[in-house]
């Protein structure tokens, strides 16, 4: 079971890393072979399954996102804790929408799978 204090610290650091546009700091939370699932992978990378695996495959996707939104900024709204998982609700201020990211962790508290769910844009 993930402890709430740890989950909240993880979420704050994760949001801060994105707001700093520090991709290596973002990647430090993940295993080398983690899986990312997102509808933006379908849109931006033209991958019908919406899934990418491994830092080498995900780096171009996230780099493209940072390049296309140089003023990218997230605001943390809430953190929910599960068994070896954390859900982070945040506002993508730049895109004007709410996002939920669901993270699954290994025994070393590194992300093995992440799933992004997007609300409507304002």
C-alpha atoms as a PDB file:
ATOM      1  CA  UNK A   1       0.000   0.000   0.000  1.00  0.00           C
ATOM      2  CA  UNK A   2       1.273   3.467  -0.881  1.00  0.00           C
ATOM      3  CA  UNK A   3       1.417   5.920   2.021  1.00  0.00           C
ATOM      4  CA  UNK A   4      -0.493   9.173   1.542  1.00  0.00           C
ATOM      5  CA  UNK A   5       2.439  11.424   2.536  1.00  0.00           C
ATOM      6  CA  UNK A   6       4.706   9.710   0.025  1.00  0.00           C
ATOM      7  CA  UNK A   7       2.022   9.939  -2.688  1.00  0.00           C
ATOM      8  CA  UNK A   8       1.540  13.663  -2.122  1.00  0.00           C
ATOM      9  CA  UNK A   9       5.300  14.273  -2.218  1.00  0.00           C
ATOM     10  CA  UNK A  10       5.550  12.240  -5.441  1.00  0.00           C
ATOM     11  CA  UNK A  11       2.717  14.239  -7.024  1.00  0.00           C
ATOM     12  CA  UNK A  12       4.213  17.611  -6.043  1.00  0.00           C
ATOM     13  CA  UNK A  13       7.644  16.646  -7.353  1.00  0.00           C
ATOM     14  CA  UNK A  14       6.170  15.229 -10.569  1.00  0.00           C
ATOM     15  CA  UNK A  15       4.175  18.425 -11.233  1.00  0.00           C
ATOM     16  CA  UNK A  16       7.185  20.604 -10.335  1.00  0.00           C
ATOM     17  CA  UNK A  17       9.377  18.623 -12.752  1.00  0.00           C
ATOM     18  CA  UNK A  18       6.915  19.178 -15.599  1.00  0.00           C
ATOM     19  CA  UNK A  19       6.554  22.867 -14.727  1.00  0.00           C
ATOM     20  CA  UNK A  20      10.342  23.187 -14.802  1.00  0.00           C
ATOM     21  CA  UNK A  21      10.322  21.478 -18.236  1.00  0.00           C
ATOM     22  CA  UNK A  22      12.966  19.147 -16.836  1.00  0.00           C
ATOM     23  CA  UNK A  23      12.415  15.930 -18.760  1.00  0.00           C
ATOM     24  CA  UNK A  24      15.225  14.062 -16.994  1.00  0.00           C
ATOM     25  CA  UNK A  25      13.675  14.921 -13.629  1.00  0.00           C
ATOM     26  CA  UNK A  26      10.303  13.689 -14.895  1.00  0.00           C
ATOM     27  CA  UNK A  27      11.912  10.457 -16.148  1.00  0.00           C
ATOM     28  CA  UNK A  28      13.572   9.895 -12.754  1.00  0.00           C
ATOM     29  CA  UNK A  29      10.189   8.744 -11.426  1.00  0.00           C
ATOM     30  CA  UNK A  30       9.897   5.898 -13.971  1.00  0.00           C
ATOM     31  CA  UNK A  31      11.477   2.535 -14.679  1.00  0.00           C
ATOM     32  CA  UNK A  32      13.414   2.287 -17.956  1.00  0.00           C
ATOM     33  CA  UNK A  33      10.741   0.083 -19.545  1.00  0.00           C
ATOM     34  CA  UNK A  34       7.573   1.757 -18.208  1.00  0.00           C
ATOM     35  CA  UNK A  35       4.425   1.896 -20.306  1.00  0.00           C
ATOM     36  CA  UNK A  36       2.599   5.148 -21.070  1.00  0.00           C
ATOM     37  CA  UNK A  37      -1.005   5.078 -22.268  1.00  0.00           C
ATOM     38  CA  UNK A  38      -2.618   8.267 -23.527  1.00  0.00           C
ATOM     39  CA  UNK A  39      -5.013   9.490 -26.206  1.00  0.00           C
ATOM     40  CA  UNK A  40      -2.379  12.114 -27.036  1.00  0.00           C
ATOM     41  CA  UNK A  41      -0.084   9.290 -28.152  1.00  0.00           C
ATOM     42  CA  UNK A  42      -2.718   8.432 -30.745  1.00  0.00           C
ATOM     43  CA  UNK A  43      -3.014  12.070 -31.845  1.00  0.00           C
ATOM     44  CA  UNK A  44       0.616  13.208 -31.713  1.00  0.00           C
ATOM     45  CA  UNK A  45       2.529  10.015 -32.465  1.00  0.00           C
ATOM     46  CA  UNK A  46      -0.015   8.291 -34.722  1.00  0.00           C
ATOM     47  CA  UNK A  47       0.100   5.123 -32.607  1.00  0.00           C
ATOM     48  CA  UNK A  48      -3.416   3.606 -32.782  1.00  0.00           C
ATOM     49  CA  UNK A  49      -3.084   1.685 -29.488  1.00  0.00           C
ATOM     50  CA  UNK A  50      -2.164   4.856 -27.593  1.00  0.00           C
ATOM     51  CA  UNK A  51       0.656   2.912 -25.872  1.00  0.00           C
ATOM     52  CA  UNK A  52       4.384   3.469 -25.802  1.00  0.00           C
ATOM     53  CA  UNK A  53       6.882   1.422 -23.803  1.00  0.00           C
ATOM     54  CA  UNK A  54      10.303   2.454 -22.567  1.00  0.00           C
ATOM     55  CA  UNK A  55      12.004   5.785 -22.048  1.00  0.00           C
ATOM     56  CA  UNK A  56      13.540   5.728 -25.540  1.00  0.00           C
ATOM     57  CA  UNK A  57      10.080   5.477 -27.125  1.00  0.00           C
ATOM     58  CA  UNK A  58       8.414   7.956 -24.787  1.00  0.00           C
ATOM     59  CA  UNK A  59      11.143  10.634 -24.891  1.00  0.00           C
ATOM     60  CA  UNK A  60      10.168  11.915 -28.397  1.00  0.00           C
ATOM     61  CA  UNK A  61       6.490  12.047 -27.368  1.00  0.00           C
ATOM     62  CA  UNK A  62       7.140  14.095 -24.238  1.00  0.00           C
ATOM     63  CA  UNK A  63       9.806  16.235 -25.931  1.00  0.00           C
ATOM     64  CA  UNK A  64       7.340  17.098 -28.670  1.00  0.00           C
ATOM     65  CA  UNK A  65       4.749  18.046 -26.053  1.00  0.00           C
ATOM     66  CA  UNK A  66       7.169  20.385 -24.281  1.00  0.00           C
ATOM     67  CA  UNK A  67       8.287  21.945 -27.568  1.00  0.00           C
ATOM     68  CA  UNK A  68       4.712  22.520 -28.740  1.00  0.00           C
ATOM     69  CA  UNK A  69       3.713  24.083 -25.401  1.00  0.00           C
ATOM     70  CA  UNK A  70       6.687  26.142 -24.173  1.00  0.00           C
ATOM     71  CA  UNK A  71       4.519  27.724 -21.470  1.00  0.00           C
ATOM     72  CA  UNK A  72       3.261  24.357 -20.187  1.00  0.00           C
ATOM     73  CA  UNK A  73       2.062  24.642 -16.597  1.00  0.00           C
ATOM     74  CA  UNK A  74       0.225  22.194 -14.337  1.00  0.00           C
ATOM     75  CA  UNK A  75      -1.580  22.904 -11.063  1.00  0.00           C
ATOM     76  CA  UNK A  76      -2.001  20.013  -8.646  1.00  0.00           C
ATOM     77  CA  UNK A  77      -5.601  19.546  -7.514  1.00  0.00           C
ATOM     78  CA  UNK A  78      -5.781  16.225  -5.679  1.00  0.00           C
ATOM     79  CA  UNK A  79      -3.954  12.981  -4.983  1.00  0.00           C
ATOM     80  CA  UNK A  80      -5.684   9.617  -4.529  1.00  0.00           C
ATOM     81  CA  UNK A  81      -3.939   6.560  -3.120  1.00  0.00           C
ATOM     82  CA  UNK A  82      -4.453   2.899  -3.991  1.00  0.00           C
ATOM     83  CA  UNK A  83      -2.604  -0.383  -3.720  1.00  0.00           C
ATOM     84  CA  UNK A  84       0.727   0.260  -5.467  1.00  0.00           C
ATOM     85  CA  UNK A  85      -0.958   3.068  -7.391  1.00  0.00           C
ATOM     86  CA  UNK A  86      -1.557   6.791  -7.199  1.00  0.00           C
ATOM     87  CA  UNK A  87      -3.971   8.948  -9.171  1.00  0.00           C
ATOM     88  CA  UNK A  88      -3.051  12.592  -9.631  1.00  0.00           C
ATOM     89  CA  UNK A  89      -5.734  15.094 -10.595  1.00  0.00           C
ATOM     90  CA  UNK A  90      -4.309  18.290 -12.006  1.00  0.00           C
ATOM     91  CA  UNK A  91      -5.228  21.204 -14.202  1.00  0.00           C
ATOM     92  CA  UNK A  92      -3.274  21.712 -17.382  1.00  0.00           C
ATOM     93  CA  UNK A  93      -3.460  25.487 -17.255  1.00  0.00           C
ATOM     94  CA  UNK A  94      -1.962  25.832 -20.719  1.00  0.00           C
ATOM     95  CA  UNK A  95      -4.499  23.486 -22.332  1.00  0.00           C
ATOM     96  CA  UNK A  96      -7.343  24.643 -20.095  1.00  0.00           C
ATOM     97  CA  UNK A  97      -8.491  21.211 -18.943  1.00  0.00           C
ATOM     98  CA  UNK A  98      -8.441  18.751 -16.078  1.00  0.00           C
ATOM     99  CA  UNK A  99      -6.275  15.660 -16.326  1.00  0.00           C
ATOM    100  CA  UNK A 100      -6.045  12.484 -14.267  1.00  0.00           C
ATOM    101  CA  UNK A 101      -2.840  10.469 -14.400  1.00  0.00           C
ATOM    102  CA  UNK A 102      -2.953   6.995 -12.904  1.00  0.00           C
ATOM    103  CA  UNK A 103       0.455   5.659 -11.895  1.00  0.00           C
ATOM    104  CA  UNK A 104       1.328   2.054 -11.020  1.00  0.00           C
ATOM    105  CA  UNK A 105       4.524   1.486  -9.019  1.00  0.00           C
ATOM    106  CA  UNK A 106       7.058  -1.277  -8.531  1.00  0.00           C
ATOM    107  CA  UNK A 107       8.519  -2.265  -5.150  1.00  0.00           C
ATOM    108  CA  UNK A 108      11.068   0.570  -5.439  1.00  0.00           C
ATOM    109  CA  UNK A 109       8.356   3.236  -5.842  1.00  0.00           C
ATOM    110  CA  UNK A 110       9.125   3.827  -9.497  1.00  0.00           C
ATOM    111  CA  UNK A 111       6.383   4.054 -12.096  1.00  0.00           C
ATOM    112  CA  UNK A 112       5.914   0.955 -14.250  1.00  0.00           C
ATOM    113  CA  UNK A 113       2.727   2.115 -16.015  1.00  0.00           C
ATOM    114  CA  UNK A 114       1.028   5.468 -16.393  1.00  0.00           C
ATOM    115  CA  UNK A 115      -2.322   6.227 -17.939  1.00  0.00           C
ATOM    116  CA  UNK A 116      -3.515   9.752 -18.796  1.00  0.00           C
ATOM    117  CA  UNK A 117      -7.195  10.688 -18.991  1.00  0.00           C
ATOM    118  CA  UNK A 118      -8.184  14.129 -20.264  1.00  0.00           C
ATOM    119  CA  UNK A 119     -11.222  16.253 -19.581  1.00  0.00           C
ATOM    120  CA  UNK A 120     -12.677  18.576 -22.206  1.00  0.00           C
ATOM    121  CA  UNK A 121     -10.762  21.713 -23.119  1.00  0.00           C
ATOM    122  CA  UNK A 122     -12.320  24.965 -22.034  1.00  0.00           C
END
